[in-house]
PDB file of N, CA and C in Angstrom:
ATOM      1  N   MET A   1       0.828  -1.186   0.000  1.00  0.00           N
ATOM      2  CA  MET A   1       0.000   0.000   0.000  1.00  0.00           C
ATOM      3  C   MET A   1       0.870   1.246   0.000  1.00  0.00           C
ATOM      4  N   ASP A   2       1.740   1.326  -0.979  1.00  0.00           N
ATOM      5  CA  ASP A   2       2.596   2.494  -1.115  1.00  0.00           C
ATOM      6  C   ASP A   2       1.835   3.587  -1.842  1.00  0.00           C
ATOM      7  N   HIS A   3       1.710   4.735  -1.191  1.00  0.00           N
ATOM      8  CA  HIS A   3       0.999   5.865  -1.780  1.00  0.00           C
ATOM      9  C   HIS A   3       1.954   6.871  -2.391  1.00  0.00           C
ATOM     10  N   GLY A   4       3.239   6.543  -2.422  1.00  0.00           N
ATOM     11  CA  GLY A   4       4.224   7.441  -3.017  1.00  0.00           C
ATOM     12  C   GLY A   4       4.724   8.460  -2.013  1.00  0.00           C
ATOM     13  N   PRO A   5       5.625   9.320  -2.452  1.00  0.00           N
ATOM     14  CA  PRO A   5       6.204  10.317  -1.544  1.00  0.00           C
ATOM     15  C   PRO A   5       5.189  11.403  -1.184  1.00  0.00           C
ATOM     16  N   ASN A   6       5.383  11.984  -0.024  1.00  0.00           N
ATOM     17  CA  ASN A   6       4.510  13.070   0.414  1.00  0.00           C
ATOM     18  C   ASN A   6       4.760  14.344  -0.378  1.00  0.00           C
ATOM     19  N   VAL A   7       6.007  14.547  -0.778  1.00  0.00           N
ATOM     20  CA  VAL A   7       6.389  15.757  -1.499  1.00  0.00           C
ATOM     21  C   VAL A   7       7.075  15.344  -2.792  1.00  0.00           C
ATOM     22  N   ASP A   8       6.703  15.987  -3.879  1.00  0.00           N
ATOM     23  CA  ASP A   8       7.360  15.753  -5.153  1.00  0.00           C
ATOM     24  C   ASP A   8       8.566  16.679  -5.225  1.00  0.00           C
ATOM     25  N   TYR A   9       9.765  16.131  -5.052  1.00  0.00           N
ATOM     26  CA  TYR A   9      10.975  16.932  -4.906  1.00  0.00           C
ATOM     27  C   TYR A   9      11.953  16.592  -6.016  1.00  0.00           C
ATOM     28  N   HIS A  10      12.316  17.580  -6.781  1.00  0.00           N
ATOM     29  CA  HIS A  10      13.264  17.382  -7.878  1.00  0.00           C
ATOM     30  C   HIS A  10      14.398  18.390  -7.740  1.00  0.00           C
ATOM     31  N   GLU A  11      15.620  17.921  -7.957  1.00  0.00           N
ATOM     32  CA  GLU A  11      16.767  18.817  -7.970  1.00  0.00           C
ATOM     33  C   GLU A  11      17.407  18.763  -9.346  1.00  0.00           C
ATOM     34  N   CYS A  12      17.815  19.915  -9.826  1.00  0.00           N
ATOM     35  CA  CYS A  12      18.474  19.936 -11.134  1.00  0.00           C
ATOM     36  C   CYS A  12      19.896  19.400 -10.994  1.00  0.00           C
ATOM     37  N   ASP A  13      20.440  18.980 -12.111  1.00  0.00           N
ATOM     38  CA  ASP A  13      21.789  18.402 -12.112  1.00  0.00           C
ATOM     39  C   ASP A  13      22.833  19.407 -11.641  1.00  0.00           C
ATOM     40  N   GLU A  14      22.651  20.686 -11.991  1.00  0.00           N
ATOM     41  CA  GLU A  14      23.603  21.714 -11.573  1.00  0.00           C
ATOM     42  C   GLU A  14      23.647  21.816 -10.052  1.00  0.00           C
ATOM     43  N   LEU A  15      22.499  21.771  -9.426  1.00  0.00           N
ATOM     44  CA  LEU A  15      22.428  21.876  -7.977  1.00  0.00           C
ATOM     45  C   LEU A  15      23.060  20.651  -7.319  1.00  0.00           C
ATOM     46  N   LEU A  16      22.804  19.487  -7.852  1.00  0.00           N
ATOM     47  CA  LEU A  16      23.413  18.277  -7.305  1.00  0.00           C
ATOM     48  C   LEU A  16      24.931  18.313  -7.408  1.00  0.00           C
ATOM     49  N   LYS A  17      25.443  18.785  -8.543  1.00  0.00           N
ATOM     50  CA  LYS A  17      26.893  18.893  -8.704  1.00  0.00           C
ATOM     51  C   LYS A  17      27.482  19.892  -7.718  1.00  0.00           C
ATOM     52  N   TYR A  18      26.787  21.020  -7.521  1.00  0.00           N
ATOM     53  CA  TYR A  18      27.257  22.019  -6.559  1.00  0.00           C
ATOM     54  C   TYR A  18      27.311  21.432  -5.148  1.00  0.00           C
ATOM     55  N   LYS A  19      26.247  20.727  -4.767  1.00  0.00           N
ATOM     56  CA  LYS A  19      26.199  20.130  -3.437  1.00  0.00           C
ATOM     57  C   LYS A  19      27.307  19.097  -3.247  1.00  0.00           C
ATOM     58  N   GLN A  20      27.568  18.307  -4.286  1.00  0.00           N
ATOM     59  CA  GLN A  20      28.636  17.318  -4.202  1.00  0.00           C
ATOM     60  C   GLN A  20      29.993  17.989  -4.024  1.00  0.00           C
ATOM     61  N   LYS A  21      30.257  19.024  -4.816  1.00  0.00           N
ATOM     62  CA  LYS A  21      31.537  19.724  -4.720  1.00  0.00           C
ATOM     63  C   LYS A  21      31.694  20.397  -3.361  1.00  0.00           C
ATOM     64  N   ALA A  22      30.646  21.054  -2.903  1.00  0.00           N
ATOM     65  CA  ALA A  22      30.712  21.734  -1.611  1.00  0.00           C
ATOM     66  C   ALA A  22      30.922  20.726  -0.483  1.00  0.00           C
ATOM     67  N   GLY A  23      30.205  19.621  -0.539  1.00  0.00           N
ATOM     68  CA  GLY A  23      30.340  18.593   0.485  1.00  0.00           C
ATOM     69  C   GLY A  23      31.733  17.990   0.511  1.00  0.00           C
ATOM     70  N   LEU A  24      32.292  17.737  -0.659  1.00  0.00           N
ATOM     71  CA  LEU A  24      33.641  17.178  -0.722  1.00  0.00           C
ATOM     72  C   LEU A  24      34.686  18.161  -0.219  1.00  0.00           C
ATOM     73  N   ARG A  25      34.525  19.435  -0.562  1.00  0.00           N
ATOM     74  CA  ARG A  25      35.475  20.443  -0.068  1.00  0.00           C
ATOM     75  C   ARG A  25      35.462  20.502   1.452  1.00  0.00           C
ATOM     76  N   LEU A  26      34.285  20.557   2.024  1.00  0.00           N
ATOM     77  CA  LEU A  26      34.182  20.637   3.482  1.00  0.00           C
ATOM     78  C   LEU A  26      34.656  19.342   4.133  1.00  0.00           C
ATOM     79  N   PHE A  27      34.417  18.219   3.485  1.00  0.00           N
ATOM     80  CA  PHE A  27      34.911  16.948   3.993  1.00  0.00           C
ATOM     81  C   PHE A  27      36.432  16.947   4.061  1.00  0.00           C
ATOM     82  N   PHE A  28      37.094  17.452   3.014  1.00  0.00           N
ATOM     83  CA  PHE A  28      38.549  17.472   3.002  1.00  0.00           C
ATOM     84  C   PHE A  28      39.106  18.467   4.018  1.00  0.00           C
ATOM     85  N   VAL A  29      38.407  19.568   4.250  1.00  0.00           N
ATOM     86  CA  VAL A  29      38.828  20.506   5.301  1.00  0.00           C
ATOM     87  C   VAL A  29      38.789  19.801   6.653  1.00  0.00           C
ATOM     88  N   TYR A  30      37.676  19.135   6.939  1.00  0.00           N
ATOM     89  CA  TYR A  30      37.557  18.434   8.217  1.00  0.00           C
ATOM     90  C   TYR A  30      38.568  17.292   8.311  1.00  0.00           C
ATOM     91  N   SER A  31      38.777  16.588   7.212  1.00  0.00           N
ATOM     92  CA  SER A  31      39.734  15.478   7.218  1.00  0.00           C
ATOM     93  C   SER A  31      41.142  15.964   7.529  1.00  0.00           C
ATOM     94  N   ALA A  32      41.510  17.126   7.009  1.00  0.00           N
ATOM     95  CA  ALA A  32      42.840  17.676   7.290  1.00  0.00           C
ATOM     96  C   ALA A  32      42.977  18.021   8.769  1.00  0.00           C
ATOM     97  N   ILE A  33      41.952  18.624   9.350  1.00  0.00           N
ATOM     98  CA  ILE A  33      41.984  18.970  10.772  1.00  0.00           C
ATOM     99  C   ILE A  33      42.064  17.697  11.612  1.00  0.00           C
ATOM    100  N   TYR A  34      41.309  16.684  11.230  1.00  0.00           N
ATOM    101  CA  TYR A  34      41.331  15.422  11.962  1.00  0.00           C
ATOM    102  C   TYR A  34      42.676  14.712  11.807  1.00  0.00           C
ATOM    103  N   ALA A  35      43.268  14.807  10.622  1.00  0.00           N
ATOM    104  CA  ALA A  35      44.574  14.184  10.385  1.00  0.00           C
ATOM    105  C   ALA A  35      45.645  14.800  11.292  1.00  0.00           C
ATOM    106  N   VAL A  36      45.560  16.098  11.513  1.00  0.00           N
ATOM    107  CA  VAL A  36      46.495  16.750  12.438  1.00  0.00           C
ATOM    108  C   VAL A  36      46.301  16.192  13.840  1.00  0.00           C
ATOM    109  N   PHE A  37      45.067  15.984  14.245  1.00  0.00           N
ATOM    110  CA  PHE A  37      44.767  15.407  15.559  1.00  0.00           C
ATOM    111  C   PHE A  37      45.387  14.015  15.693  1.00  0.00           C
ATOM    112  N   VAL A  38      45.199  13.186  14.686  1.00  0.00           N
ATOM    113  CA  VAL A  38      45.754  11.831  14.713  1.00  0.00           C
ATOM    114  C   VAL A  38      47.278  11.879  14.707  1.00  0.00           C
ATOM    115  N   LEU A  39      47.834  12.756  13.896  1.00  0.00           N
ATOM    116  CA  LEU A  39      49.286  12.894  13.825  1.00  0.00           C
ATOM    117  C   LEU A  39      49.866  13.321  15.178  1.00  0.00           C
ATOM    118  N   LEU A  40      49.240  14.293  15.817  1.00  0.00           N
ATOM    119  CA  LEU A  40      49.698  14.725  17.137  1.00  0.00           C
ATOM    120  C   LEU A  40      49.633  13.578  18.146  1.00  0.00           C
ATOM    121  N   ASN A  41      48.575  12.792  18.090  1.00  0.00           N
ATOM    122  CA  ASN A  41      48.436  11.677  19.022  1.00  0.00           C
ATOM    123  C   ASN A  41      49.475  10.587  18.794  1.00  0.00           C
ATOM    124  N   THR A  42      49.869  10.390  17.568  1.00  0.00           N
ATOM    125  CA  THR A  42      50.830   9.313  17.293  1.00  0.00           C
ATOM    126  C   THR A  42      52.279   9.760  17.440  1.00  0.00           C
ATOM    127  N   VAL A  43      52.578  10.991  17.020  1.00  0.00           N
ATOM    128  CA  VAL A  43      53.959  11.460  17.031  1.00  0.00           C
ATOM    129  C   VAL A  43      54.332  12.111  18.358  1.00  0.00           C
ATOM    130  N   PHE A  44      53.417  12.900  18.929  1.00  0.00           N
ATOM    131  CA  PHE A  44      53.682  13.626  20.170  1.00  0.00           C
ATOM    132  C   PHE A  44      52.626  13.309  21.234  1.00  0.00           C
ATOM    133  N   PRO A  45      52.553  12.084  21.694  1.00  0.00           N
ATOM    134  CA  PRO A  45      51.502  11.745  22.670  1.00  0.00           C
ATOM    135  C   PRO A  45      51.640  12.514  23.982  1.00  0.00           C
ATOM    136  N   ALA A  46      52.859  12.866  24.366  1.00  0.00           N
ATOM    137  CA  ALA A  46      53.041  13.614  25.605  1.00  0.00           C
ATOM    138  C   ALA A  46      52.447  15.020  25.494  1.00  0.00           C
ATOM    139  N   MET A  47      52.461  15.586  24.290  1.00  0.00           N
ATOM    140  CA  MET A  47      51.893  16.921  24.082  1.00  0.00           C
ATOM    141  C   MET A  47      50.392  16.931  24.379  1.00  0.00           C
ATOM    142  N   MET A  48      49.728  15.823  24.088  1.00  0.00           N
ATOM    143  CA  MET A  48      48.284  15.755  24.279  1.00  0.00           C
ATOM    144  C   MET A  48      47.899  15.766  25.764  1.00  0.00           C
ATOM    145  N   GLU A  49      48.874  15.487  26.637  1.00  0.00           N
ATOM    146  CA  GLU A  49      48.609  15.499  28.075  1.00  0.00           C
ATOM    147  C   GLU A  49      48.734  16.880  28.690  1.00  0.00           C
ATOM    148  N   SER A  50      49.300  17.822  27.968  1.00  0.00           N
ATOM    149  CA  SER A  50      49.523  19.150  28.537  1.00  0.00           C
ATOM    150  C   SER A  50      48.216  19.916  28.689  1.00  0.00           C
ATOM    151  N   ALA A  51      48.089  20.630  29.813  1.00  0.00           N
ATOM    152  CA  ALA A  51      46.890  21.424  30.090  1.00  0.00           C
ATOM    153  C   ALA A  51      46.916  22.684  29.241  1.00  0.00           C
ATOM    154  N   VAL A  52      45.806  22.969  28.567  1.00  0.00           N
ATOM    155  CA  VAL A  52      45.763  24.129  27.682  1.00  0.00           C
ATOM    156  C   VAL A  52      44.628  25.097  27.990  1.00  0.00           C
ATOM    157  N   LEU A  53      43.522  24.611  28.500  1.00  0.00           N
ATOM    158  CA  LEU A  53      42.360  25.478  28.696  1.00  0.00           C
ATOM    159  C   LEU A  53      41.584  25.023  29.921  1.00  0.00           C
ATOM    160  N   PHE A  54      41.498  25.888  30.912  1.00  0.00           N
ATOM    161  CA  PHE A  54      40.751  25.601  32.145  1.00  0.00           C
ATOM    162  C   PHE A  54      41.184  24.293  32.794  1.00  0.00           C
ATOM    163  N   GLY A  55      42.444  23.955  32.689  1.00  0.00           N
ATOM    164  CA  GLY A  55      42.963  22.735  33.285  1.00  0.00           C
ATOM    165  C   GLY A  55      42.697  21.472  32.483  1.00  0.00           C
ATOM    166  N   LEU A  56      42.060  21.604  31.331  1.00  0.00           N
ATOM    167  CA  LEU A  56      41.802  20.446  30.467  1.00  0.00           C
ATOM    168  C   LEU A  56      43.000  20.208  29.570  1.00  0.00           C
ATOM    169  N   ASN A  57      43.286  18.940  29.286  1.00  0.00           N
ATOM    170  CA  ASN A  57      44.429  18.657  28.430  1.00  0.00           C
ATOM    171  C   ASN A  57      44.084  18.873  26.956  1.00  0.00           C
ATOM    172  N   LEU A  58      45.123  18.899  26.133  1.00  0.00           N
ATOM    173  CA  LEU A  58      44.951  19.182  24.715  1.00  0.00           C
ATOM    174  C   LEU A  58      44.072  18.145  24.018  1.00  0.00           C
ATOM    175  N   ALA A  59      44.148  16.890  24.436  1.00  0.00           N
ATOM    176  CA  ALA A  59      43.341  15.845  23.805  1.00  0.00           C
ATOM    177  C   ALA A  59      41.844  16.125  23.976  1.00  0.00           C
ATOM    178  N   ILE A  60      41.450  16.521  25.172  1.00  0.00           N
ATOM    179  CA  ILE A  60      40.032  16.818  25.434  1.00  0.00           C
ATOM    180  C   ILE A  60      39.593  18.060  24.667  1.00  0.00           C
ATOM    181  N   VAL A  61      40.395  19.105  24.722  1.00  0.00           N
ATOM    182  CA  VAL A  61      40.043  20.355  24.045  1.00  0.00           C
ATOM    183  C   VAL A  61      39.970  20.141  22.533  1.00  0.00           C
ATOM    184  N   TYR A  62      40.951  19.439  21.978  1.00  0.00           N
ATOM    185  CA  TYR A  62      40.966  19.175  20.542  1.00  0.00           C
ATOM    186  C   TYR A  62      39.783  18.289  20.155  1.00  0.00           C
ATOM    187  N   GLY A  63      39.467  17.294  20.971  1.00  0.00           N
ATOM    188  CA  GLY A  63      38.336  16.415  20.688  1.00  0.00           C
ATOM    189  C   GLY A  63      37.016  17.162  20.654  1.00  0.00           C
ATOM    190  N   PHE A  64      36.801  18.021  21.655  1.00  0.00           N
ATOM    191  CA  PHE A  64      35.583  18.837  21.644  1.00  0.00           C
ATOM    192  C   PHE A  64      35.609  19.819  20.474  1.00  0.00           C
ATOM    193  N   GLY A  65      36.802  20.319  20.151  1.00  0.00           N
ATOM    194  CA  GLY A  65      36.932  21.210  18.998  1.00  0.00           C
ATOM    195  C   GLY A  65      36.535  20.522  17.710  1.00  0.00           C
ATOM    196  N   LEU A  66      36.912  19.260  17.567  1.00  0.00           N
ATOM    197  CA  LEU A  66      36.520  18.507  16.377  1.00  0.00           C
ATOM    198  C   LEU A  66      35.003  18.389  16.255  1.00  0.00           C
ATOM    199  N   ILE A  67      34.350  18.155  17.377  1.00  0.00           N
ATOM    200  CA  ILE A  67      32.886  18.053  17.366  1.00  0.00           C
ATOM    201  C   ILE A  67      32.265  19.384  16.984  1.00  0.00           C
ATOM    202  N   ILE A  68      32.767  20.459  17.570  1.00  0.00           N
ATOM    203  CA  ILE A  68      32.222  21.789  17.284  1.00  0.00           C
ATOM    204  C   ILE A  68      32.484  22.171  15.826  1.00  0.00           C
ATOM    205  N   ILE A  69      33.676  21.872  15.326  1.00  0.00           N
ATOM    206  CA  ILE A  69      33.997  22.172  13.931  1.00  0.00           C
ATOM    207  C   ILE A  69      33.092  21.388  12.986  1.00  0.00           C
ATOM    208  N   ALA A  70      32.784  20.138  13.309  1.00  0.00           N
ATOM    209  CA  ALA A  70      31.882  19.341  12.465  1.00  0.00           C
ATOM    210  C   ALA A  70      30.491  19.979  12.412  1.00  0.00           C
ATOM    211  N   ILE A  71      30.015  20.457  13.547  1.00  0.00           N
ATOM    212  CA  ILE A  71      28.705  21.116  13.572  1.00  0.00           C
ATOM    213  C   ILE A  71      28.740  22.395  12.756  1.00  0.00           C
ATOM    214  N   ILE A  72      29.798  23.183  12.920  1.00  0.00           N
ATOM    215  CA  ILE A  72      29.921  24.434  12.173  1.00  0.00           C
ATOM    216  C   ILE A  72      29.994  24.169  10.676  1.00  0.00           C
ATOM    217  N   LEU A  73      30.773  23.175  10.271  1.00  0.00           N
ATOM    218  CA  LEU A  73      30.861  22.850   8.841  1.00  0.00           C
ATOM    219  C   LEU A  73      29.520  22.377   8.295  1.00  0.00           C
ATOM    220  N   GLY A  74      28.745  21.665   9.097  1.00  0.00           N
ATOM    221  CA  GLY A  74      27.402  21.268   8.676  1.00  0.00           C
ATOM    222  C   GLY A  74      26.498  22.466   8.464  1.00  0.00           C
ATOM    223  N   LEU A  75      26.601  23.439   9.352  1.00  0.00           N
ATOM    224  CA  LEU A  75      25.803  24.663   9.206  1.00  0.00           C
ATOM    225  C   LEU A  75      26.255  25.473   7.996  1.00  0.00           C
ATOM    226  N   VAL A  76      27.562  25.523   7.759  1.00  0.00           N
ATOM    227  CA  VAL A  76      28.090  26.220   6.585  1.00  0.00           C
ATOM    228  C   VAL A  76      27.595  25.548   5.306  1.00  0.00           C
ATOM    229  N   TYR A  77      27.635  24.219   5.275  1.00  0.00           N
ATOM    230  CA  TYR A  77      27.147  23.479   4.103  1.00  0.00           C
ATOM    231  C   TYR A  77      25.664  23.782   3.863  1.00  0.00           C
ATOM    232  N   ASN A  78      24.882  23.772   4.909  1.00  0.00           N
ATOM    233  CA  ASN A  78      23.457  24.060   4.778  1.00  0.00           C
ATOM    234  C   ASN A  78      23.227  25.475   4.255  1.00  0.00           C
ATOM    235  N   ALA A  79      23.977  26.438   4.778  1.00  0.00           N
ATOM    236  CA  ALA A  79      23.816  27.823   4.334  1.00  0.00           C
ATOM    237  C   ALA A  79      24.222  27.980   2.869  1.00  0.00           C
ATOM    238  N   MET A  80      25.318  27.350   2.486  1.00  0.00           N
ATOM    239  CA  MET A  80      25.776  27.440   1.098  1.00  0.00           C
ATOM    240  C   MET A  80      24.744  26.848   0.144  1.00  0.00           C
ATOM    241  N   CYS A  81      24.244  25.675   0.469  1.00  0.00           N
ATOM    242  CA  CYS A  81      23.281  25.008  -0.413  1.00  0.00           C
ATOM    243  C   CYS A  81      21.947  25.746  -0.439  1.00  0.00           C
ATOM    244  N   SER A  82      21.520  26.264   0.695  1.00  0.00           N
ATOM    245  CA  SER A  82      20.259  27.016   0.731  1.00  0.00           C
ATOM    246  C   SER A  82      20.354  28.277  -0.101  1.00  0.00           C
ATOM    247  N   ARG A  83      21.513  28.960  -0.046  1.00  0.00           N
ATOM    248  CA  ARG A  83      21.710  30.171  -0.830  1.00  0.00           C
ATOM    249  C   ARG A  83      21.614  29.857  -2.328  1.00  0.00           C
ATOM    250  N   VAL A  84      22.244  28.794  -2.757  1.00  0.00           N
ATOM    251  CA  VAL A  84      22.216  28.428  -4.173  1.00  0.00           C
ATOM    252  C   VAL A  84      20.807  27.982  -4.579  1.00  0.00           C
ATOM    253  N   GLU A  85      20.118  27.251  -3.716  1.00  0.00           N
ATOM    254  CA  GLU A  85      18.750  26.829  -4.031  1.00  0.00           C
ATOM    255  C   GLU A  85      17.841  28.041  -4.201  1.00  0.00           C
ATOM    256  N   ARG A  86      17.985  29.043  -3.327  1.00  0.00           N
ATOM    257  CA  ARG A  86      17.168  30.259  -3.459  1.00  0.00           C
ATOM    258  C   ARG A  86      17.487  30.989  -4.759  1.00  0.00           C
ATOM    259  N   ARG A  87      18.765  31.060  -5.119  1.00  0.00           N
ATOM    260  CA  ARG A  87      19.141  31.715  -6.381  1.00  0.00           C
ATOM    261  C   ARG A  87      18.526  31.003  -7.572  1.00  0.00           C
ATOM    262  N   LEU A  88      18.592  29.680  -7.568  1.00  0.00           N
ATOM    263  CA  LEU A  88      18.040  28.924  -8.689  1.00  0.00           C
ATOM    264  C   LEU A  88      16.521  29.034  -8.751  1.00  0.00           C
ATOM    265  N   ASP A  89      15.867  29.108  -7.593  1.00  0.00           N
ATOM    266  CA  ASP A  89      14.410  29.199  -7.566  1.00  0.00           C
ATOM    267  C   ASP A  89      13.902  30.572  -7.982  1.00  0.00           C
ATOM    268  N   THR A  90      14.658  31.631  -7.693  1.00  0.00           N
ATOM    269  CA  THR A  90      14.134  32.975  -7.894  1.00  0.00           C
ATOM    270  C   THR A  90      14.663  33.707  -9.105  1.00  0.00           C
ATOM    271  N   GLY A  91      15.735  33.234  -9.715  1.00  0.00           N
ATOM    272  CA  GLY A  91      16.233  34.053 -10.803  1.00  0.00           C
ATOM    273  C   GLY A  91      16.981  33.338 -11.886  1.00  0.00           C
ATOM    274  N   GLY A  92      17.098  32.074 -11.817  1.00  0.00           N
ATOM    275  CA  GLY A  92      17.824  31.366 -12.843  1.00  0.00           C
ATOM    276  C   GLY A  92      19.304  31.675 -12.855  1.00  0.00           C
ATOM    277  N   ILE A  93      19.889  31.847 -11.682  1.00  0.00           N
ATOM    278  CA  ILE A  93      21.311  32.127 -11.591  1.00  0.00           C
ATOM    279  C   ILE A  93      22.061  30.813 -11.496  1.00  0.00           C
ATOM    280  N   ASP A  94      23.172  30.752 -12.177  1.00  0.00           N
ATOM    281  CA  ASP A  94      24.023  29.575 -12.203  1.00  0.00           C
ATOM    282  C   ASP A  94      24.549  29.260 -10.800  1.00  0.00           C
ATOM    283  N   PRO A  95      24.687  27.990 -10.404  1.00  0.00           N
ATOM    284  CA  PRO A  95      25.172  27.624  -9.082  1.00  0.00           C
ATOM    285  C   PRO A  95      26.589  28.117  -8.770  1.00  0.00           C
ATOM    286  N   ASP A  96      27.358  28.417  -9.815  1.00  0.00           N
ATOM    287  CA  ASP A  96      28.709  28.921  -9.574  1.00  0.00           C
ATOM    288  C   ASP A  96      28.727  30.418  -9.314  1.00  0.00           C
ATOM    289  N   GLY A  97      27.571  31.047  -9.287  1.00  0.00           N
ATOM    290  CA  GLY A  97      27.485  32.452  -8.921  1.00  0.00           C
ATOM    291  C   GLY A  97      27.275  33.392 -10.082  1.00  0.00           C
ATOM    292  N   GLY A  98      27.357  32.924 -11.301  1.00  0.00           N
ATOM    293  CA  GLY A  98      27.186  33.792 -12.459  1.00  0.00           C
ATOM    294  C   GLY A  98      25.749  33.783 -12.967  1.00  0.00           C
ATOM    295  N   GLU A  99      25.499  34.633 -13.912  1.00  0.00           N
ATOM    296  CA  GLU A  99      24.167  34.691 -14.517  1.00  0.00           C
ATOM    297  C   GLU A  99      23.987  33.503 -15.456  1.00  0.00           C
ATOM    298  N   ALA A 100      22.782  32.989 -15.516  1.00  0.00           N
ATOM    299  CA  ALA A 100      22.501  31.841 -16.400  1.00  0.00           C
ATOM    300  C   ALA A 100      22.193  32.302 -17.785  1.00  0.00           C
TER     301      ALA A 100
END
């Protein structure tokens, strides 16, 4: 008894490509930050024990920072994609920022 989707939702190919590129860029930014964290833990484990903020060690602060950065990057991705979706819906502007 499938009645189909509640909303008929279609995305143009240009928008999908933009979202893929934006997502990959932000993924690589986060991956680089995470790679530094892993590198510090493997090469300089004693450094991670040093207190840096309110008596918390670098491992805890960096770990919470990774979580916060992931949330921020998610919000940035949402804002970027929403901006492009509004442009495409209201004026036929190309996803790369130029006129269509």
